[in-house]
Amino acid sequence: MEILKGVDLEVKPAEIVAIIGPNGAGKSTVLKSIFNLCEIYSGKILFNGKNITKLGTHYLIHEGISYVPQGRQIFSDLTVRENLEVGAFIIENRELLKRKLSNVFARFPFLEEKQNEYAFTLSGGQQQMLAIGRALVQDPELLLLDEPSLGLAPKIMKEVFDKILEINKEGKAIIIVEQNAKQAIDIASRTYILENGEVALEGNKKDLTYEKIYRTYFGGDIA
């Protein structure tokens, strides 16, 4: 089944690109296509000038791309530290792994405090931070985030977006798929709006008014 129809988008180094749009528009499929988690029938995906369209997911991680799926897909019956170590499976050098874990703990101190506790004991927001931390252990150039605010209370959602901005300010490029249009546009360098598998609009937050977006793509005025 064809979901995307000639989607053309670009993310530059150290840039946040947001993808928003109504349910079923193909937003998550864009990320899954980049990470080779769905069938690609035509077109090319280029990363640092290299064609990665058919490159296996394992190799994409080596290339410097990490993916955080929606729904906080962590390993509930593993400890916090074990979850992070799963994310670091490509790192064979134990000293290097230790340094990578230290970097994640520095960004998310509560993960260090809870590293020996089972992941299912964490709150929803903490589990989302763990999922992001697991991807960051690989020290990617490009981070793919699929609905990071899904199911989170407003206060926790703000904390997650603040962390995303911190990560970006350290030089990592980010593509974020989000239903919360205002939050996504606020942090993004550029935003793409998808509709029926195609790019309907593109611009920055000065180009795209929230009211227009909500009326056209979400069926009402902004909250």
N, C-alpha and C. Protein backbone atom coordinates (compact mmCIF):
# COMPACT_ATOMS: atom_id res chain seq x y z
N MET A 1 0.85 -1.20 0.00
CA MET A 1 0.00 0.00 0.00
C MET A 1 0.89 1.25 0.00
N GLU A 2 0.62 2.15 -0.91
CA GLU A 2 1.41 3.37 -1.00
C GLU A 2 0.85 4.42 -0.04
N ILE A 3 1.73 4.88 0.88
CA ILE A 3 1.31 5.88 1.88
C ILE A 3 1.87 7.25 1.55
N LEU A 4 3.16 7.31 1.19
CA LEU A 4 3.80 8.57 0.84
C LEU A 4 3.84 8.73 -0.66
N LYS A 5 3.69 9.97 -1.12
CA LYS A 5 3.63 10.23 -2.57
C LYS A 5 4.59 11.37 -2.92
N GLY A 6 5.82 11.01 -3.13
CA GLY A 6 6.79 12.01 -3.56
C GLY A 6 7.14 13.04 -2.51
N VAL A 7 7.26 12.62 -1.25
CA VAL A 7 7.61 13.55 -0.18
C VAL A 7 9.07 13.98 -0.34
N ASP A 8 9.28 15.28 -0.39
CA ASP A 8 10.63 15.84 -0.57
C ASP A 8 10.90 16.77 0.61
N LEU A 9 11.84 16.37 1.47
CA LEU A 9 12.18 17.22 2.60
C LEU A 9 13.68 17.16 2.87
N GLU A 10 14.16 18.14 3.62
CA GLU A 10 15.58 18.27 3.89
C GLU A 10 15.79 18.67 5.34
N VAL A 11 16.81 18.12 5.98
CA VAL A 11 17.23 18.57 7.30
C VAL A 11 18.72 18.87 7.23
N LYS A 12 19.09 20.06 7.67
CA LYS A 12 20.48 20.49 7.63
C LYS A 12 21.15 20.16 8.96
N PRO A 13 22.49 20.17 9.00
CA PRO A 13 23.19 19.89 10.26
C PRO A 13 22.72 20.82 11.38
N ALA A 14 22.54 20.24 12.56
CA ALA A 14 22.16 21.00 13.77
C ALA A 14 20.84 21.74 13.61
N GLU A 15 19.94 21.19 12.84
CA GLU A 15 18.63 21.81 12.59
C GLU A 15 17.53 20.91 13.13
N ILE A 16 16.45 21.52 13.63
CA ILE A 16 15.25 20.77 13.99
C ILE A 16 14.22 20.95 12.89
N VAL A 17 13.78 19.85 12.33
CA VAL A 17 12.71 19.88 11.33
C VAL A 17 11.51 19.15 11.92
N ALA A 18 10.37 19.82 11.92
CA ALA A 18 9.13 19.23 12.44
C ALA A 18 8.26 18.76 11.28
N ILE A 19 7.58 17.64 11.50
CA ILE A 19 6.59 17.14 10.54
C ILE A 19 5.27 17.03 11.28
N ILE A 20 4.28 17.79 10.84
CA ILE A 20 2.97 17.77 11.48
C ILE A 20 1.90 17.51 10.42
N GLY A 21 0.67 17.30 10.90
CA GLY A 21 -0.42 17.04 9.98
C GLY A 21 -1.46 16.16 10.64
N PRO A 22 -2.59 15.97 9.99
CA PRO A 22 -3.67 15.16 10.58
C PRO A 22 -3.29 13.69 10.66
N ASN A 23 -4.06 12.93 11.44
CA ASN A 23 -3.85 11.49 11.54
C ASN A 23 -3.95 10.85 10.17
N GLY A 24 -3.06 9.90 9.91
CA GLY A 24 -3.10 9.19 8.64
C GLY A 24 -2.42 9.90 7.49
N ALA A 25 -1.75 11.02 7.79
CA ALA A 25 -1.11 11.78 6.71
C ALA A 25 0.20 11.15 6.24
N GLY A 26 0.77 10.25 7.06
CA GLY A 26 2.03 9.60 6.67
C GLY A 26 3.24 10.10 7.43
N LYS A 27 3.01 10.82 8.53
CA LYS A 27 4.11 11.43 9.27
C LYS A 27 5.09 10.37 9.81
N SER A 28 4.57 9.40 10.53
CA SER A 28 5.44 8.37 11.10
C SER A 28 6.10 7.53 10.01
N THR A 29 5.42 7.38 8.90
CA THR A 29 5.99 6.60 7.79
C THR A 29 7.24 7.27 7.23
N VAL A 30 7.31 8.59 7.29
CA VAL A 30 8.53 9.28 6.85
C VAL A 30 9.72 8.82 7.69
N LEU A 31 9.55 8.80 9.01
CA LEU A 31 10.64 8.39 9.88
C LEU A 31 10.98 6.91 9.68
N LYS A 32 9.96 6.09 9.56
CA LYS A 32 10.21 4.66 9.35
C LYS A 32 10.90 4.40 8.02
N SER A 33 10.60 5.22 7.02
CA SER A 33 11.28 5.08 5.73
C SER A 33 12.76 5.42 5.86
N ILE A 34 13.05 6.50 6.57
CA ILE A 34 14.46 6.89 6.76
C ILE A 34 15.21 5.79 7.49
N PHE A 35 14.55 5.17 8.48
CA PHE A 35 15.21 4.14 9.31
C PHE A 35 15.02 2.74 8.75
N ASN A 36 14.53 2.65 7.52
CA ASN A 36 14.37 1.38 6.80
C ASN A 36 13.49 0.38 7.57
N LEU A 37 12.36 0.89 8.05
CA LEU A 37 11.41 0.03 8.76
C LEU A 37 10.14 -0.19 7.95
N CYS A 38 10.14 0.25 6.71
CA CYS A 38 9.00 -0.01 5.82
C CYS A 38 9.51 -0.07 4.38
N GLU A 39 8.67 -0.58 3.51
CA GLU A 39 9.06 -0.76 2.11
C GLU A 39 9.11 0.58 1.39
N ILE A 40 10.19 0.77 0.63
CA ILE A 40 10.34 1.99 -0.17
C ILE A 40 10.27 1.58 -1.64
N TYR A 41 9.30 2.12 -2.37
CA TYR A 41 9.08 1.71 -3.75
C TYR A 41 9.81 2.57 -4.76
N SER A 42 10.06 3.83 -4.40
CA SER A 42 10.76 4.72 -5.32
C SER A 42 11.36 5.88 -4.53
N GLY A 43 12.22 6.63 -5.19
CA GLY A 43 12.84 7.77 -4.54
C GLY A 43 14.15 7.42 -3.86
N LYS A 44 14.81 8.43 -3.32
CA LYS A 44 16.10 8.25 -2.65
C LYS A 44 16.10 8.95 -1.30
N ILE A 45 16.87 8.37 -0.37
CA ILE A 45 17.14 9.00 0.91
C ILE A 45 18.64 9.18 1.00
N LEU A 46 19.08 10.42 1.11
CA LEU A 46 20.51 10.74 1.16
C LEU A 46 20.87 11.23 2.55
N PHE A 47 22.01 10.76 3.06
CA PHE A 47 22.51 11.19 4.36
C PHE A 47 24.00 11.47 4.23
N ASN A 48 24.40 12.72 4.48
CA ASN A 48 25.79 13.13 4.27
C ASN A 48 26.27 12.81 2.86
N GLY A 49 25.36 12.98 1.90
CA GLY A 49 25.70 12.75 0.50
C GLY A 49 25.68 11.30 0.07
N LYS A 50 25.39 10.38 0.99
CA LYS A 50 25.39 8.94 0.69
C LYS A 50 23.96 8.44 0.54
N ASN A 51 23.75 7.60 -0.47
CA ASN A 51 22.43 7.01 -0.68
C ASN A 51 22.23 5.88 0.34
N ILE A 52 21.30 6.09 1.28
CA ILE A 52 21.05 5.09 2.33
C ILE A 52 19.68 4.44 2.17
N THR A 53 19.09 4.58 1.00
CA THR A 53 17.70 4.16 0.79
C THR A 53 17.45 2.71 1.17
N LYS A 54 18.35 1.83 0.81
CA LYS A 54 18.15 0.40 1.08
C LYS A 54 19.10 -0.13 2.16
N LEU A 55 19.74 0.78 2.88
CA LEU A 55 20.71 0.36 3.90
C LEU A 55 19.97 -0.20 5.10
N GLY A 56 20.45 -1.35 5.61
CA GLY A 56 19.82 -1.98 6.76
C GLY A 56 19.86 -1.10 7.99
N THR A 57 18.89 -1.27 8.86
CA THR A 57 18.79 -0.45 10.07
C THR A 57 20.06 -0.51 10.91
N HIS A 58 20.64 -1.69 11.03
CA HIS A 58 21.88 -1.85 11.80
C HIS A 58 22.97 -0.93 11.26
N TYR A 59 23.07 -0.84 9.93
CA TYR A 59 24.10 0.00 9.32
C TYR A 59 23.76 1.48 9.45
N LEU A 60 22.48 1.79 9.46
CA LEU A 60 22.07 3.19 9.62
C LEU A 60 22.53 3.73 10.98
N ILE A 61 22.48 2.89 11.99
CA ILE A 61 22.96 3.30 13.31
C ILE A 61 24.45 3.60 13.25
N HIS A 62 25.20 2.76 12.55
CA HIS A 62 26.63 3.01 12.37
C HIS A 62 26.87 4.31 11.60
N GLU A 63 25.96 4.64 10.70
CA GLU A 63 26.10 5.87 9.91
C GLU A 63 25.84 7.12 10.75
N GLY A 64 25.14 6.95 11.89
CA GLY A 64 24.90 8.09 12.76
C GLY A 64 23.44 8.52 12.85
N ILE A 65 22.51 7.58 12.65
CA ILE A 65 21.08 7.88 12.74
C ILE A 65 20.47 7.04 13.86
N SER A 66 19.71 7.67 14.74
CA SER A 66 19.00 6.96 15.81
C SER A 66 17.52 7.30 15.74
N TYR A 67 16.71 6.36 16.21
CA TYR A 67 15.25 6.48 16.07
C TYR A 67 14.58 6.19 17.40
N VAL A 68 13.69 7.08 17.82
CA VAL A 68 12.88 6.87 19.02
C VAL A 68 11.43 6.71 18.59
N PRO A 69 10.90 5.48 18.60
CA PRO A 69 9.53 5.26 18.13
C PRO A 69 8.51 5.83 19.10
N GLN A 70 7.29 6.02 18.63
CA GLN A 70 6.23 6.53 19.50
C GLN A 70 5.81 5.45 20.48
N GLY A 71 5.24 5.89 21.58
CA GLY A 71 4.70 4.94 22.55
C GLY A 71 5.69 4.47 23.59
N ARG A 72 6.84 5.14 23.71
CA ARG A 72 7.82 4.81 24.76
C ARG A 72 8.13 3.32 24.77
N GLN A 73 8.63 2.81 23.68
CA GLN A 73 8.91 1.38 23.55
C GLN A 73 10.23 1.03 24.22
N ILE A 74 10.15 0.89 25.54
CA ILE A 74 11.30 0.49 26.32
C ILE A 74 11.15 -0.98 26.71
N PHE A 75 12.19 -1.55 27.28
CA PHE A 75 12.14 -2.93 27.78
C PHE A 75 11.77 -2.88 29.26
N SER A 76 10.50 -3.08 29.54
CA SER A 76 9.97 -2.85 30.89
C SER A 76 10.62 -3.73 31.94
N ASP A 77 10.96 -4.98 31.57
CA ASP A 77 11.49 -5.93 32.54
C ASP A 77 13.01 -5.90 32.65
N LEU A 78 13.64 -4.92 31.98
CA LEU A 78 15.07 -4.69 32.16
C LEU A 78 15.26 -3.45 33.02
N THR A 79 16.42 -3.35 33.64
CA THR A 79 16.71 -2.16 34.43
C THR A 79 16.95 -0.97 33.50
N VAL A 80 16.98 0.21 34.09
CA VAL A 80 17.26 1.42 33.32
C VAL A 80 18.62 1.30 32.64
N ARG A 81 19.62 0.86 33.38
CA ARG A 81 20.97 0.73 32.80
C ARG A 81 20.98 -0.30 31.67
N GLU A 82 20.29 -1.41 31.86
CA GLU A 82 20.25 -2.44 30.81
C GLU A 82 19.57 -1.91 29.56
N ASN A 83 18.53 -1.10 29.72
CA ASN A 83 17.90 -0.48 28.56
C ASN A 83 18.89 0.38 27.79
N LEU A 84 19.68 1.16 28.51
CA LEU A 84 20.67 2.01 27.85
C LEU A 84 21.74 1.18 27.17
N GLU A 85 22.14 0.09 27.80
CA GLU A 85 23.17 -0.78 27.21
C GLU A 85 22.66 -1.46 25.94
N VAL A 86 21.36 -1.75 25.90
CA VAL A 86 20.78 -2.30 24.67
C VAL A 86 20.94 -1.29 23.53
N GLY A 87 20.74 -0.02 23.85
CA GLY A 87 20.92 1.02 22.84
C GLY A 87 22.36 1.17 22.38
N ALA A 88 23.28 0.66 23.18
CA ALA A 88 24.71 0.80 22.88
C ALA A 88 25.31 -0.48 22.32
N PHE A 89 24.48 -1.31 21.70
CA PHE A 89 24.96 -2.63 21.27
C PHE A 89 26.08 -2.54 20.24
N ILE A 90 26.19 -1.40 19.53
CA ILE A 90 27.24 -1.29 18.52
C ILE A 90 28.59 -0.91 19.13
N ILE A 91 28.60 -0.59 20.42
CA ILE A 91 29.84 -0.16 21.08
C ILE A 91 30.48 -1.37 21.77
N GLU A 92 31.61 -1.81 21.27
CA GLU A 92 32.28 -2.99 21.83
C GLU A 92 33.31 -2.62 22.90
N ASN A 93 33.87 -1.44 22.81
CA ASN A 93 34.88 -1.00 23.78
C ASN A 93 34.19 -0.60 25.09
N ARG A 94 34.52 -1.28 26.18
CA ARG A 94 33.84 -1.06 27.44
C ARG A 94 34.10 0.34 28.02
N GLU A 95 35.31 0.84 27.82
CA GLU A 95 35.61 2.19 28.31
C GLU A 95 34.82 3.24 27.55
N LEU A 96 34.70 3.03 26.23
CA LEU A 96 33.92 3.95 25.42
C LEU A 96 32.45 3.90 25.84
N LEU A 97 31.94 2.70 26.09
CA LEU A 97 30.56 2.54 26.54
C LEU A 97 30.35 3.28 27.86
N LYS A 98 31.30 3.16 28.75
CA LYS A 98 31.20 3.83 30.04
C LYS A 98 31.10 5.34 29.86
N ARG A 99 31.90 5.89 28.95
CA ARG A 99 31.86 7.33 28.69
C ARG A 99 30.53 7.75 28.07
N LYS A 100 30.02 6.92 27.15
CA LYS A 100 28.74 7.24 26.51
C LYS A 100 27.60 7.23 27.54
N LEU A 101 27.63 6.24 28.43
CA LEU A 101 26.61 6.18 29.47
C LEU A 101 26.72 7.38 30.41
N SER A 102 27.94 7.78 30.72
CA SER A 102 28.15 8.94 31.58
C SER A 102 27.57 10.20 30.95
N ASN A 103 27.71 10.32 29.63
CA ASN A 103 27.14 11.47 28.93
C ASN A 103 25.62 11.50 29.05
N VAL A 104 25.00 10.33 28.92
CA VAL A 104 23.54 10.26 29.05
C VAL A 104 23.12 10.56 30.48
N PHE A 105 23.85 10.03 31.46
CA PHE A 105 23.53 10.29 32.86
C PHE A 105 23.68 11.78 33.20
N ALA A 106 24.66 12.42 32.57
CA ALA A 106 24.84 13.87 32.80
C ALA A 106 23.65 14.65 32.28
N ARG A 107 23.06 14.19 31.17
CA ARG A 107 21.90 14.88 30.59
C ARG A 107 20.63 14.54 31.35
N PHE A 108 20.52 13.30 31.83
CA PHE A 108 19.33 12.85 32.55
C PHE A 108 19.77 12.27 33.90
N PRO A 109 20.04 13.13 34.89
CA PRO A 109 20.57 12.65 36.17
C PRO A 109 19.69 11.61 36.85
N PHE A 110 18.38 11.70 36.68
CA PHE A 110 17.50 10.74 37.34
C PHE A 110 17.73 9.32 36.81
N LEU A 111 18.20 9.20 35.56
CA LEU A 111 18.48 7.87 35.02
C LEU A 111 19.64 7.22 35.76
N GLU A 112 20.61 8.01 36.13
CA GLU A 112 21.73 7.47 36.92
C GLU A 112 21.25 7.05 38.30
N GLU A 113 20.40 7.87 38.91
CA GLU A 113 19.87 7.55 40.23
C GLU A 113 19.05 6.26 40.20
N LYS A 114 18.34 6.03 39.09
CA LYS A 114 17.44 4.88 38.99
C LYS A 114 18.00 3.78 38.10
N GLN A 115 19.30 3.79 37.83
CA GLN A 115 19.85 2.88 36.82
C GLN A 115 19.67 1.41 37.16
N ASN A 116 19.52 1.08 38.43
CA ASN A 116 19.36 -0.33 38.81
C ASN A 116 17.90 -0.71 39.07
N GLU A 117 16.99 0.23 38.80
CA GLU A 117 15.56 -0.06 38.96
C GLU A 117 14.96 -0.52 37.63
N TYR A 118 13.91 -1.30 37.71
CA TYR A 118 13.26 -1.77 36.49
C TYR A 118 12.57 -0.61 35.77
N ALA A 119 12.61 -0.65 34.45
CA ALA A 119 12.09 0.45 33.66
C ALA A 119 10.59 0.66 33.85
N PHE A 120 9.86 -0.40 34.17
CA PHE A 120 8.41 -0.25 34.33
C PHE A 120 8.04 0.58 35.56
N THR A 121 9.00 0.79 36.47
CA THR A 121 8.72 1.58 37.66
C THR A 121 8.79 3.08 37.39
N LEU A 122 9.29 3.48 36.24
CA LEU A 122 9.41 4.89 35.89
C LEU A 122 8.06 5.48 35.51
N SER A 123 7.90 6.77 35.70
CA SER A 123 6.69 7.46 35.23
C SER A 123 6.71 7.54 33.70
N GLY A 124 5.57 7.95 33.12
CA GLY A 124 5.50 8.05 31.66
C GLY A 124 6.55 8.99 31.09
N GLY A 125 6.71 10.15 31.73
CA GLY A 125 7.70 11.10 31.26
C GLY A 125 9.12 10.57 31.39
N GLN A 126 9.39 9.88 32.50
CA GLN A 126 10.72 9.30 32.70
C GLN A 126 11.00 8.20 31.68
N GLN A 127 9.98 7.43 31.34
CA GLN A 127 10.16 6.39 30.32
C GLN A 127 10.48 7.01 28.97
N GLN A 128 9.83 8.15 28.65
CA GLN A 128 10.14 8.83 27.39
C GLN A 128 11.57 9.34 27.39
N MET A 129 12.03 9.88 28.51
CA MET A 129 13.42 10.33 28.62
C MET A 129 14.38 9.14 28.47
N LEU A 130 14.01 8.00 29.04
CA LEU A 130 14.84 6.80 28.91
C LEU A 130 14.93 6.38 27.45
N ALA A 131 13.81 6.43 26.74
CA ALA A 131 13.82 6.06 25.32
C ALA A 131 14.72 6.99 24.51
N ILE A 132 14.67 8.29 24.83
CA ILE A 132 15.54 9.24 24.15
C ILE A 132 16.99 9.01 24.54
N GLY A 133 17.22 8.77 25.84
CA GLY A 133 18.58 8.50 26.30
C GLY A 133 19.17 7.27 25.66
N ARG A 134 18.35 6.24 25.47
CA ARG A 134 18.83 5.01 24.82
C ARG A 134 19.31 5.29 23.40
N ALA A 135 18.61 6.18 22.69
CA ALA A 135 19.03 6.54 21.34
C ALA A 135 20.30 7.40 21.37
N LEU A 136 20.44 8.23 22.41
CA LEU A 136 21.59 9.13 22.48
C LEU A 136 22.88 8.42 22.87
N VAL A 137 22.78 7.23 23.47
CA VAL A 137 23.98 6.46 23.79
C VAL A 137 24.83 6.25 22.54
N GLN A 138 24.17 6.14 21.40
CA GLN A 138 24.87 5.91 20.13
C GLN A 138 25.54 7.18 19.60
N ASP A 139 25.29 8.33 20.25
CA ASP A 139 25.87 9.61 19.85
C ASP A 139 25.59 9.90 18.37
N PRO A 140 24.32 9.93 17.98
CA PRO A 140 23.97 10.08 16.55
C PRO A 140 24.16 11.50 16.04
N GLU A 141 24.30 11.63 14.74
CA GLU A 141 24.26 12.95 14.09
C GLU A 141 22.81 13.38 13.88
N LEU A 142 21.95 12.41 13.59
CA LEU A 142 20.54 12.67 13.30
C LEU A 142 19.67 11.85 14.22
N LEU A 143 18.77 12.53 14.93
CA LEU A 143 17.85 11.87 15.85
C LEU A 143 16.43 11.97 15.30
N LEU A 144 15.78 10.83 15.16
CA LEU A 144 14.40 10.76 14.67
C LEU A 144 13.47 10.54 15.85
N LEU A 145 12.55 11.46 16.08
CA LEU A 145 11.63 11.39 17.22
C LEU A 145 10.20 11.29 16.74
N ASP A 146 9.53 10.21 17.11
CA ASP A 146 8.15 10.00 16.68
C ASP A 146 7.20 10.22 17.86
N GLU A 147 6.47 11.33 17.83
CA GLU A 147 5.47 11.68 18.85
C GLU A 147 6.03 11.61 20.28
N PRO A 148 7.11 12.34 20.58
CA PRO A 148 7.68 12.26 21.93
C PRO A 148 6.77 12.76 23.04
N SER A 149 5.75 13.57 22.72
CA SER A 149 4.87 14.10 23.76
C SER A 149 3.63 13.24 23.95
N LEU A 150 3.51 12.15 23.22
CA LEU A 150 2.29 11.33 23.24
C LEU A 150 1.96 10.85 24.65
N GLY A 151 0.76 11.20 25.12
CA GLY A 151 0.27 10.71 26.39
C GLY A 151 0.86 11.38 27.62
N LEU A 152 1.60 12.47 27.44
CA LEU A 152 2.24 13.12 28.57
C LEU A 152 1.43 14.32 29.05
N ALA A 153 1.48 14.57 30.35
CA ALA A 153 0.85 15.76 30.92
C ALA A 153 1.59 17.00 30.43
N PRO A 154 0.90 18.16 30.36
CA PRO A 154 1.52 19.38 29.82
C PRO A 154 2.86 19.74 30.46
N LYS A 155 2.98 19.63 31.78
CA LYS A 155 4.23 19.98 32.46
C LYS A 155 5.36 19.05 32.01
N ILE A 156 5.07 17.76 31.94
CA ILE A 156 6.09 16.79 31.54
C ILE A 156 6.43 16.97 30.07
N MET A 157 5.42 17.27 29.27
CA MET A 157 5.65 17.50 27.84
C MET A 157 6.62 18.66 27.64
N LYS A 158 6.46 19.73 28.42
CA LYS A 158 7.39 20.86 28.32
C LYS A 158 8.81 20.44 28.66
N GLU A 159 8.96 19.60 29.68
CA GLU A 159 10.30 19.12 30.06
C GLU A 159 10.93 18.33 28.92
N VAL A 160 10.12 17.51 28.25
CA VAL A 160 10.64 16.73 27.13
C VAL A 160 11.09 17.65 26.00
N PHE A 161 10.28 18.64 25.67
CA PHE A 161 10.66 19.56 24.60
C PHE A 161 11.89 20.39 24.98
N ASP A 162 12.01 20.75 26.25
CA ASP A 162 13.22 21.46 26.70
C ASP A 162 14.46 20.61 26.49
N LYS A 163 14.34 19.31 26.78
CA LYS A 163 15.47 18.40 26.58
C LYS A 163 15.82 18.27 25.10
N ILE A 164 14.79 18.24 24.27
CA ILE A 164 15.02 18.15 22.82
C ILE A 164 15.80 19.37 22.34
N LEU A 165 15.44 20.54 22.84
CA LEU A 165 16.17 21.76 22.48
C LEU A 165 17.62 21.69 22.96
N GLU A 166 17.84 21.18 24.17
CA GLU A 166 19.20 21.03 24.69
C GLU A 166 20.03 20.13 23.79
N ILE A 167 19.43 19.02 23.40
CA ILE A 167 20.13 18.06 22.53
C ILE A 167 20.50 18.72 21.21
N ASN A 168 19.57 19.47 20.66
CA ASN A 168 19.81 20.15 19.39
C ASN A 168 20.91 21.19 19.51
N LYS A 169 20.94 21.93 20.60
CA LYS A 169 21.95 22.98 20.79
C LYS A 169 23.36 22.42 20.88
N GLU A 170 23.47 21.13 21.14
CA GLU A 170 24.79 20.49 21.15
C GLU A 170 25.20 20.00 19.76
N GLY A 171 24.40 20.37 18.75
CA GLY A 171 24.82 20.11 17.38
C GLY A 171 24.16 18.96 16.68
N LYS A 172 23.17 18.34 17.31
CA LYS A 172 22.52 17.20 16.67
C LYS A 172 21.32 17.66 15.84
N ALA A 173 21.22 17.13 14.63
CA ALA A 173 20.05 17.38 13.80
C ALA A 173 18.90 16.49 14.29
N ILE A 174 17.69 17.02 14.21
CA ILE A 174 16.53 16.30 14.72
C ILE A 174 15.37 16.43 13.74
N ILE A 175 14.72 15.30 13.46
CA ILE A 175 13.44 15.32 12.77
C ILE A 175 12.40 14.84 13.77
N ILE A 176 11.41 15.67 14.03
CA ILE A 176 10.39 15.34 15.02
C ILE A 176 9.01 15.30 14.38
N VAL A 177 8.33 14.20 14.58
CA VAL A 177 6.92 14.06 14.18
C VAL A 177 6.08 14.35 15.41
N GLU A 178 5.11 15.24 15.29
CA GLU A 178 4.33 15.67 16.46
C GLU A 178 2.89 16.00 16.10
N GLN A 179 1.98 15.61 17.01
CA GLN A 179 0.58 16.04 16.90
C GLN A 179 0.39 17.41 17.53
N ASN A 180 1.26 17.76 18.50
CA ASN A 180 1.16 19.07 19.14
C ASN A 180 1.82 20.10 18.22
N ALA A 181 1.02 20.65 17.33
CA ALA A 181 1.56 21.52 16.27
C ALA A 181 2.27 22.74 16.83
N LYS A 182 1.69 23.38 17.82
CA LYS A 182 2.29 24.62 18.35
C LYS A 182 3.66 24.35 18.94
N GLN A 183 3.78 23.32 19.77
CA GLN A 183 5.07 23.00 20.38
C GLN A 183 6.10 22.66 19.32
N ALA A 184 5.70 21.88 18.33
CA ALA A 184 6.63 21.47 17.28
C ALA A 184 7.13 22.67 16.48
N ILE A 185 6.20 23.54 16.08
CA ILE A 185 6.59 24.71 15.29
C ILE A 185 7.48 25.65 16.11
N ASP A 186 7.19 25.77 17.40
CA ASP A 186 7.96 26.66 18.26
C ASP A 186 9.44 26.28 18.33
N ILE A 187 9.75 24.99 18.34
CA ILE A 187 11.15 24.58 18.49
C ILE A 187 11.84 24.31 17.15
N ALA A 188 11.06 24.25 16.08
CA ALA A 188 11.63 23.83 14.79
C ALA A 188 12.24 24.99 14.02
N SER A 189 13.31 24.68 13.29
CA SER A 189 13.86 25.63 12.33
C SER A 189 12.92 25.75 11.13
N ARG A 190 12.41 24.60 10.71
CA ARG A 190 11.44 24.54 9.60
C ARG A 190 10.42 23.46 9.91
N THR A 191 9.23 23.63 9.33
CA THR A 191 8.15 22.68 9.54
C THR A 191 7.56 22.26 8.20
N TYR A 192 7.30 20.96 8.07
CA TYR A 192 6.59 20.43 6.91
C TYR A 192 5.22 19.94 7.39
N ILE A 193 4.18 20.32 6.65
CA ILE A 193 2.84 19.83 6.95
C ILE A 193 2.47 18.80 5.90
N LEU A 194 2.18 17.59 6.35
CA LEU A 194 1.79 16.51 5.45
C LEU A 194 0.28 16.38 5.39
N GLU A 195 -0.20 16.09 4.21
CA GLU A 195 -1.63 15.82 4.01
C GLU A 195 -1.75 14.75 2.93
N ASN A 196 -2.41 13.64 3.28
CA ASN A 196 -2.61 12.54 2.33
C ASN A 196 -1.29 12.08 1.70
N GLY A 197 -0.25 12.01 2.51
CA GLY A 197 1.02 11.48 2.04
C GLY A 197 1.85 12.44 1.22
N GLU A 198 1.46 13.71 1.18
CA GLU A 198 2.19 14.70 0.41
C GLU A 198 2.49 15.93 1.26
N VAL A 199 3.53 16.67 0.89
CA VAL A 199 3.83 17.92 1.58
C VAL A 199 2.86 18.99 1.10
N ALA A 200 2.03 19.49 2.03
CA ALA A 200 1.05 20.50 1.67
C ALA A 200 1.59 21.91 1.89
N LEU A 201 2.38 22.08 2.95
CA LEU A 201 2.97 23.39 3.27
C LEU A 201 4.35 23.18 3.86
N GLU A 202 5.20 24.19 3.70
CA GLU A 202 6.54 24.17 4.30
C GLU A 202 6.89 25.59 4.70
N GLY A 203 7.54 25.75 5.84
CA GLY A 203 7.98 27.07 6.25
C GLY A 203 8.46 27.08 7.69
N ASN A 204 8.87 28.26 8.18
CA ASN A 204 9.23 28.40 9.58
C ASN A 204 8.05 29.00 10.32
N LYS A 205 8.23 29.26 11.63
CA LYS A 205 7.07 29.71 12.41
C LYS A 205 6.61 31.11 12.04
N LYS A 206 7.44 31.86 11.32
CA LYS A 206 6.99 33.15 10.82
C LYS A 206 6.12 32.99 9.58
N ASP A 207 6.40 31.92 8.83
CA ASP A 207 5.63 31.68 7.61
C ASP A 207 4.28 31.03 7.88
N LEU A 208 4.24 30.19 8.92
CA LEU A 208 3.04 29.40 9.19
C LEU A 208 2.35 29.93 10.43
N THR A 209 1.15 30.47 10.27
CA THR A 209 0.41 30.93 11.45
C THR A 209 -0.30 29.75 12.08
N TYR A 210 -0.27 29.68 13.40
CA TYR A 210 -0.90 28.56 14.10
C TYR A 210 -2.39 28.45 13.77
N GLU A 211 -3.06 29.61 13.73
CA GLU A 211 -4.50 29.59 13.49
C GLU A 211 -4.83 28.97 12.13
N LYS A 212 -4.05 29.35 11.13
CA LYS A 212 -4.28 28.80 9.79
C LYS A 212 -4.08 27.29 9.79
N ILE A 213 -3.02 26.85 10.45
CA ILE A 213 -2.73 25.42 10.51
C ILE A 213 -3.86 24.66 11.19
N TYR A 214 -4.30 25.17 12.33
CA TYR A 214 -5.35 24.48 13.06
C TYR A 214 -6.67 24.45 12.30
N ARG A 215 -7.01 25.55 11.69
CA ARG A 215 -8.28 25.59 10.95
C ARG A 215 -8.25 24.64 9.75
N THR A 216 -7.09 24.61 9.08
CA THR A 216 -7.00 23.84 7.85
C THR A 216 -6.78 22.35 8.09
N TYR A 217 -5.94 22.03 9.09
CA TYR A 217 -5.50 20.63 9.24
C TYR A 217 -5.99 19.93 10.50
N PHE A 218 -6.51 20.70 11.46
CA PHE A 218 -6.96 20.07 12.69
C PHE A 218 -8.40 20.40 13.02
N GLY A 219 -9.07 21.15 12.14
CA GLY A 219 -10.50 21.34 12.25
C GLY A 219 -10.98 22.26 13.35
N GLY A 220 -10.19 23.26 13.71
CA GLY A 220 -10.65 24.19 14.74
C GLY A 220 -9.60 25.23 15.04
N ASP A 221 -9.93 26.11 15.98
CA ASP A 221 -8.98 27.15 16.39
C ASP A 221 -7.98 26.59 17.36
N ILE A 222 -6.83 27.26 17.45
CA ILE A 222 -5.78 26.81 18.36
C ILE A 222 -6.24 26.95 19.80
N ALA A 223 -5.83 26.00 20.63
CA ALA A 223 -6.24 26.03 22.04
C ALA A 223 -5.50 27.12 22.81
